[in-house]
Amino acid sequence: MAIRQTEAIVLKTMTYGETSKILTVLSKDHGKISLLAKGARDTKSKYGGSLEPFTHINVVYYEKEGRELQYLSEASVLNGFLGIPCSLERLYPAMAVLEVCSRVVHGNEEHPKLFELVRQTLEGLSKTSKRPMNGLLYFMAQLASLLGYRLEAERCSHCLHLMEQSNFKFNVEYGRVVCGACPPALQSTTLTLTKETVAILAQLNKSNGAGVFNLAISENSGREVFRVLLKHLQYHLDELTSLNTLPFLNAS
């Protein structure tokens, strides 16, 4: 049995027995882990409020090879992202980030870049005072790139300067925006886009997260961007076919 120490973000929790909890966390060094926190629900628990969803924690746990559920020994809060639960506008996008992350990461797959993307997104959602949905849109665009499914919204083989064209559509099969200059076969899609939507998709691809909440997006384009990114991810990831948080987002 090995003792592991790592940073982690709590994705979800469930009760276990009378006083314990089972946590699903995304760790920085060991991927997704299930941890049993004995006595975590006891009023005198040493864990306090460190084991709640959205919390960025440092954990020490005992790992036994071949066992799905590992035993948590210590946990301390690095960032509680306390601004998230204060507003439903911030809470729902944050819930979607955790659900997507929980579904796309399997077993002990190591994803340090994904961990940092989730941490950065939650930190932004916790601090922002405007446009929290932008955080989710940024997360979805960057997630696609991290997993090798970057959505192309800047150029195509038929028009080097896509924004100079018109009649934009999104081709789900090819994972790219196409325009009126593209062959008819590439335009066989039901997702018709505005020029604003295409520009935002391109901006989200290039963004490093800084200033994403300052990006002004009309309500119509926000819905289009979300729909495109969701369709794009769902095409490549069967795990995202049905999301429990979708009804709360008011973005479909």
Protein backbone atom coordinates (compact mmCIF):
# COMPACT_ATOMS: atom_id res chain seq x y z
CA MET A 1 0.00 0.00 0.00
CA ALA A 2 1.37 3.40 -1.04
CA ILE A 3 0.82 6.82 0.51
CA ARG A 4 -0.02 9.46 -2.11
CA GLN A 5 -0.17 13.23 -1.81
CA THR A 6 -1.62 15.48 -4.50
CA GLU A 7 -3.81 18.47 -5.24
CA ALA A 8 -7.38 17.67 -6.20
CA ILE A 9 -10.72 19.25 -7.05
CA VAL A 10 -13.84 17.66 -5.58
CA LEU A 11 -16.19 16.73 -8.43
CA LYS A 12 -18.98 15.08 -6.46
CA THR A 13 -19.76 13.42 -3.14
CA MET A 14 -22.15 10.81 -1.79
CA THR A 15 -23.00 9.61 1.71
CA TYR A 16 -21.62 6.30 2.91
CA GLY A 17 -22.86 4.60 6.03
CA GLU A 18 -23.88 6.78 8.95
CA THR A 19 -20.96 9.19 9.11
CA SER A 20 -18.73 8.78 6.06
CA LYS A 21 -18.50 10.16 2.51
CA ILE A 22 -17.26 8.89 -0.82
CA LEU A 23 -15.61 11.59 -2.91
CA THR A 24 -14.90 11.65 -6.60
CA VAL A 25 -12.00 14.00 -7.23
CA LEU A 26 -9.91 15.09 -10.17
CA SER A 27 -6.33 15.00 -8.98
CA LYS A 28 -3.42 16.87 -10.45
CA ASP A 29 -1.13 13.85 -10.59
CA HIS A 30 -3.29 10.70 -10.65
CA GLY A 31 -6.42 11.49 -12.66
CA LYS A 32 -9.87 10.74 -11.27
CA ILE A 33 -9.92 9.04 -7.90
CA SER A 34 -12.65 7.73 -5.59
CA LEU A 35 -11.84 8.36 -1.93
CA LEU A 36 -13.52 7.11 1.21
CA ALA A 37 -13.49 9.75 3.94
CA LYS A 38 -14.36 7.97 7.16
CA GLY A 39 -16.27 10.06 9.69
CA ALA A 40 -16.49 13.01 7.29
CA ARG A 41 -20.14 13.68 8.20
CA ASP A 42 -19.53 13.58 11.92
CA THR A 43 -20.01 16.97 13.63
CA LYS A 44 -16.47 16.74 15.01
CA SER A 45 -14.90 15.62 11.72
CA LYS A 46 -11.32 16.71 11.14
CA TYR A 47 -12.19 17.48 7.52
CA GLY A 48 -14.57 20.36 8.26
CA GLY A 49 -15.93 21.81 5.01
CA SER A 50 -13.00 20.71 2.86
CA LEU A 51 -14.84 17.87 1.14
CA GLU A 52 -17.54 19.78 -0.72
CA PRO A 53 -17.90 19.95 -4.54
CA PHE A 54 -15.90 22.73 -6.28
CA THR A 55 -13.28 22.75 -3.50
CA HIS A 56 -9.59 22.75 -4.44
CA ILE A 57 -7.83 20.67 -1.80
CA ASN A 58 -4.56 19.03 -0.94
CA VAL A 59 -5.07 15.35 -0.09
CA VAL A 60 -3.10 12.50 1.41
CA TYR A 61 -4.55 9.03 0.80
CA TYR A 62 -3.63 5.37 0.96
CA GLU A 63 -3.59 3.67 -2.43
CA LYS A 64 -3.88 -0.06 -2.86
CA GLU A 65 -3.35 -1.37 -6.38
CA GLY A 66 -6.46 -2.94 -7.86
CA ARG A 67 -8.83 -1.31 -5.37
CA GLU A 68 -11.28 1.20 -6.84
CA LEU A 69 -11.97 2.99 -3.55
CA GLN A 70 -8.94 4.47 -1.79
CA TYR A 71 -8.81 5.68 1.82
CA LEU A 72 -8.47 9.39 2.52
CA SER A 73 -6.12 10.27 5.36
CA GLU A 74 -5.82 14.08 5.26
CA ALA A 75 -7.38 17.00 3.38
CA SER A 76 -6.78 20.73 3.54
CA VAL A 77 -8.41 23.54 1.55
CA LEU A 78 -6.33 25.42 -1.01
CA ASN A 79 -9.26 27.34 -2.51
CA GLY A 80 -12.94 26.99 -1.66
CA PHE A 81 -14.12 29.06 -4.66
CA LEU A 82 -16.63 30.59 -2.26
CA GLY A 83 -18.12 32.94 -4.84
CA ILE A 84 -19.63 30.09 -6.85
CA PRO A 85 -22.50 29.08 -4.51
CA CYS A 86 -23.44 32.73 -3.98
CA SER A 87 -25.13 33.03 -7.39
CA LEU A 88 -27.12 30.57 -9.49
CA GLU A 89 -25.68 32.26 -12.60
CA ARG A 90 -22.24 31.11 -11.45
CA LEU A 91 -23.32 27.85 -9.83
CA TYR A 92 -24.95 26.22 -12.86
CA PRO A 93 -21.99 26.72 -15.27
CA ALA A 94 -19.65 25.47 -12.52
CA MET A 95 -21.83 22.38 -12.03
CA ALA A 96 -21.63 21.72 -15.77
CA VAL A 97 -17.82 21.97 -15.69
CA LEU A 98 -17.64 19.36 -12.93
CA GLU A 99 -20.12 17.02 -14.61
CA VAL A 100 -18.34 17.16 -17.97
CA CYS A 101 -15.00 16.58 -16.28
CA SER A 102 -16.34 13.64 -14.28
CA ARG A 103 -17.68 12.00 -17.42
CA VAL A 104 -14.70 12.43 -19.76
CA VAL A 105 -11.95 11.34 -17.35
CA HIS A 106 -11.70 7.60 -16.74
CA GLY A 107 -9.81 5.74 -14.06
CA ASN A 108 -6.38 7.02 -13.16
CA GLU A 109 -5.68 8.78 -16.46
CA GLU A 110 -3.27 11.62 -15.72
CA HIS A 111 -4.55 14.98 -17.00
CA PRO A 112 -2.50 17.83 -15.46
CA LYS A 113 -3.53 20.29 -18.18
CA LEU A 114 -7.20 19.43 -17.72
CA PHE A 115 -6.80 19.82 -13.97
CA GLU A 116 -5.38 23.30 -14.49
CA LEU A 117 -8.16 24.19 -16.95
CA VAL A 118 -10.82 23.16 -14.42
CA ARG A 119 -9.07 25.02 -11.59
CA GLN A 120 -8.66 28.16 -13.72
CA THR A 121 -12.30 28.06 -14.86
CA LEU A 122 -13.65 27.64 -11.32
CA GLU A 123 -11.44 30.44 -10.06
CA GLY A 124 -12.75 32.73 -12.79
CA LEU A 125 -16.37 31.78 -12.07
CA SER A 126 -15.85 32.40 -8.36
CA LYS A 127 -14.48 35.90 -8.94
CA THR A 128 -16.49 37.18 -11.88
CA SER A 129 -19.30 39.69 -11.47
CA LYS A 130 -20.52 39.40 -15.06
CA ARG A 131 -21.12 36.91 -17.88
CA PRO A 132 -20.47 33.64 -15.97
CA MET A 133 -21.59 31.55 -18.97
CA ASN A 134 -18.47 32.78 -20.75
CA GLY A 135 -16.48 30.62 -18.34
CA LEU A 136 -18.31 27.48 -19.42
CA LEU A 137 -17.95 28.34 -23.12
CA TYR A 138 -14.21 28.89 -22.64
CA PHE A 139 -13.91 25.59 -20.76
CA MET A 140 -15.71 23.66 -23.51
CA ALA A 141 -13.59 25.16 -26.31
CA GLN A 142 -10.33 24.51 -24.47
CA LEU A 143 -11.42 21.01 -23.45
CA ALA A 144 -11.96 20.10 -27.10
CA SER A 145 -8.43 21.26 -27.91
CA LEU A 146 -6.88 19.39 -24.96
CA LEU A 147 -8.54 16.15 -26.02
CA GLY A 148 -7.36 16.53 -29.62
CA TYR A 149 -10.65 17.75 -31.11
CA ARG A 150 -9.89 21.43 -31.69
CA LEU A 151 -12.82 23.16 -33.36
CA GLU A 152 -11.69 25.11 -36.46
CA ALA A 153 -13.35 28.51 -36.70
CA GLU A 154 -10.67 30.70 -38.26
CA ARG A 155 -10.02 29.34 -41.74
CA CYS A 156 -10.69 26.48 -44.12
CA SER A 157 -9.07 25.02 -47.21
CA HIS A 158 -11.39 27.05 -49.46
CA CYS A 159 -11.16 30.47 -47.79
CA LEU A 160 -8.07 31.52 -45.88
CA HIS A 161 -9.93 34.44 -44.30
CA LEU A 162 -13.15 32.92 -43.08
CA MET A 163 -14.51 36.16 -41.60
CA GLU A 164 -14.54 37.76 -45.05
CA GLN A 165 -17.13 35.22 -46.18
CA SER A 166 -20.84 34.80 -45.40
CA ASN A 167 -23.51 32.11 -44.85
CA PHE A 168 -21.71 30.33 -42.04
CA LYS A 169 -22.58 26.83 -40.91
CA PHE A 170 -21.00 24.28 -38.61
CA ASN A 171 -20.09 20.88 -39.99
CA VAL A 172 -20.20 18.48 -37.04
CA GLU A 173 -18.49 15.61 -38.86
CA TYR A 174 -15.45 17.70 -39.81
CA GLY A 175 -15.48 19.80 -36.64
CA ARG A 176 -15.24 23.11 -38.46
CA VAL A 177 -17.10 26.22 -39.52
CA VAL A 178 -17.79 26.31 -43.26
CA CYS A 179 -18.98 29.15 -45.47
CA GLY A 180 -20.75 29.78 -48.77
CA ALA A 181 -17.49 29.24 -50.70
CA CYS A 182 -17.13 25.70 -49.42
CA PRO A 183 -18.34 22.66 -51.44
CA PRO A 184 -22.06 21.87 -50.91
CA ALA A 185 -21.17 18.53 -49.30
CA LEU A 186 -19.46 20.37 -46.43
CA GLN A 187 -22.50 22.57 -45.89
CA SER A 188 -24.90 19.70 -45.21
CA THR A 189 -25.60 20.64 -41.61
CA THR A 190 -28.50 22.12 -39.67
CA LEU A 191 -26.39 24.48 -37.56
CA THR A 192 -26.48 27.87 -39.27
CA LEU A 193 -24.34 30.51 -37.53
CA THR A 194 -24.10 34.29 -37.39
CA LYS A 195 -20.86 36.09 -38.08
CA GLU A 196 -20.69 37.09 -34.40
CA THR A 197 -20.86 33.45 -33.35
CA VAL A 198 -17.98 32.50 -35.66
CA ALA A 199 -15.86 35.36 -34.32
CA ILE A 200 -16.53 34.30 -30.72
CA LEU A 201 -15.65 30.68 -31.43
CA ALA A 202 -12.36 31.82 -32.93
CA GLN A 203 -11.69 34.06 -29.92
CA LEU A 204 -12.40 31.27 -27.43
CA ASN A 205 -9.93 29.04 -29.25
CA LYS A 206 -7.17 31.64 -28.95
CA SER A 207 -7.93 32.82 -25.42
CA ASN A 208 -5.75 31.89 -22.46
CA GLY A 209 -8.61 32.68 -20.10
CA ALA A 210 -7.62 36.24 -19.36
CA GLY A 211 -10.48 38.64 -20.05
CA VAL A 212 -12.91 35.93 -21.16
CA PHE A 213 -15.57 37.31 -18.81
CA ASN A 214 -15.21 40.73 -20.46
CA LEU A 215 -16.12 39.28 -23.85
CA ALA A 216 -19.51 40.76 -24.79
CA ILE A 217 -21.75 38.11 -26.37
CA SER A 218 -25.33 38.66 -27.46
CA GLU A 219 -27.93 36.23 -26.10
CA ASN A 220 -28.50 34.68 -29.52
CA SER A 221 -24.80 34.16 -30.23
CA GLY A 222 -24.25 32.80 -26.72
CA ARG A 223 -26.83 30.11 -27.39
CA GLU A 224 -25.32 29.34 -30.80
CA VAL A 225 -21.80 29.08 -29.40
CA PHE A 226 -22.94 26.74 -26.63
CA ARG A 227 -24.92 24.60 -29.09
CA VAL A 228 -21.95 24.29 -31.46
CA LEU A 229 -19.48 23.40 -28.70
CA LEU A 230 -21.87 20.87 -27.16
CA LYS A 231 -22.60 19.20 -30.50
CA HIS A 232 -18.87 19.14 -31.26
CA LEU A 233 -17.96 17.48 -27.95
CA GLN A 234 -20.89 15.06 -28.10
CA TYR A 235 -19.86 13.92 -31.58
CA HIS A 236 -16.50 12.77 -30.22
CA LEU A 237 -17.49 11.80 -26.67
CA ASP A 238 -20.46 9.49 -26.15
CA GLU A 239 -20.26 10.19 -22.41
CA LEU A 240 -21.66 13.69 -23.00
CA THR A 241 -24.76 12.59 -24.92
CA SER A 242 -26.99 13.39 -21.95
CA LEU A 243 -25.99 15.97 -19.32
CA ASN A 244 -27.91 16.33 -16.07
CA THR A 245 -26.97 20.01 -15.80
CA LEU A 246 -28.22 20.92 -19.28
CA PRO A 247 -31.77 21.95 -18.18
CA PHE A 248 -30.33 24.47 -15.71
CA LEU A 249 -28.14 26.35 -18.19
CA ASN A 250 -30.85 28.06 -20.24
CA ALA A 251 -28.49 27.93 -23.21
CA SER A 252 -29.87 25.22 -25.48
